[in-house]
């Protein structure tokens, strides 16, 4: 007796990733704590980097001079002239280090990336200034301006180049060959971008830029088919701060067992309610309206419309959904969108029973685990109760509710607005003194100095600074 499989195979149909070089992660952390690089460190690091390049040119010049006949004045002068011109060029163009092009084999880029990495490390290893009063965004922009976005562009471009090279040698399925074509502009707010092709078909896009402190790659359809998802997962799972920003998980039902009609029935039973607010939906169908279409293809349309006569079909089904139906559950704004659609009819086969169930997940309100790349069935089955048939074992992704942080001044301002009338009532009508009013507000707080006794939205840095001040006053006393 055959046992039913506990997991029905599913696939990853879209995947988007972001990541940053280690040095750029340090810049983000510096901005969070309000750190600033001293201007003299930046000047010193840039001068040291330029001097290293000039020293390489001088070594090259000396080697050429040693190999030249001492009495050959013409060759001697030519070497000195090339050396002076090279020094002038590298000095003039030193700060223009942007790398818009993305070659698969680029020794020059590798050399420049190493130089940029050394220069940035020299900047970050010195003494820093800290000012917690400046906002994160302002501090980050200040750091980028001081360090130089061009320098960070080189590091990001190097990361992207290595990733593209691994597509052909590590991440790809055996039958696919990856190529890359640079775009004239950036995409998704990144300064630079390139289009990825698998066997000549557009398969995705890759973007990078120092202003964004990292890199972005997105694979769609053909791109996901061309990837060895297990190998990609094994290679990238240990990259610090790597993040899935989007993943589409899909199940193809070629027999049409789980049809649109069945999905609508499950919706009426509440099987698309995953515990929170009721999901929004949209139902769409497309096809033909013409009478000629009805007469010439009645046998096929009778199977679609489930009617027994031309007249009944014409009267009841003036809208013939020969191009398929689609049911949408959820929304992109919430970060989870389920599409159930008749894939075969969408591709032009009116008799096809092929139905695809596809969930599009975004990282806007959730952290998408990397495991979803290699366990699509388990994660797809957990999105809604209606998809539980895909896997007995399920991996649910929790939705995150973000709370905005606030300063002391903002919290005080909000509380004054919301409670001033109540306090006035306690004074005028109840006849309470100011001390009695304050006592009513704080009487149940057992540990005033504890974090739990402070507003949840109060910035952590404000509390840390206050604790340090208390410790300093205690030590002074």
Foldseek 3Di string as FASTA:
>chain_A
DDDDDQFFDWAWFKWKKWAFPPLLVVLLVCLQQQKDFDLVLLVVLLVVLLVVVLVVLVVVLVVQVVVDDPPCVVVNVVSVVVSVVVNVVCVVCVLVQADQDQDLDDPPLVVLLVSLVSSSCSRPVDDIDGDNVDHSVVSSVNRCVSNDFSSLNSNQSVVVSVVQNCLQPFWFDPVWDKDKAWDPAFPPPAGTKIFMDIVNHTFWMKGHTSVVNIIMIMGGRVNRVGTPLVRVLVVCVPRPPMAIFKIKMKDKDQVLPCPPVNVVVCVVVVQQDLDDPAWDKDKDAADDQDLVCCVVCVVLQCVQVVDDDSVVCVVVCSGRRQQKMWMWTHDVVQFKIWIWIQVVSVVPDSNTSMIMIMIMGGPPFWGDDSCCSVPVQQAVLSNTVVSVSRRVHHDYTDGHDDDAADEPVVVVVVCCVVCVVVVVCCCPVVVDDPVVVVCVVCVPPPDCLDPVNDDPRHDPVVNVVVVVVVVVVVVVD
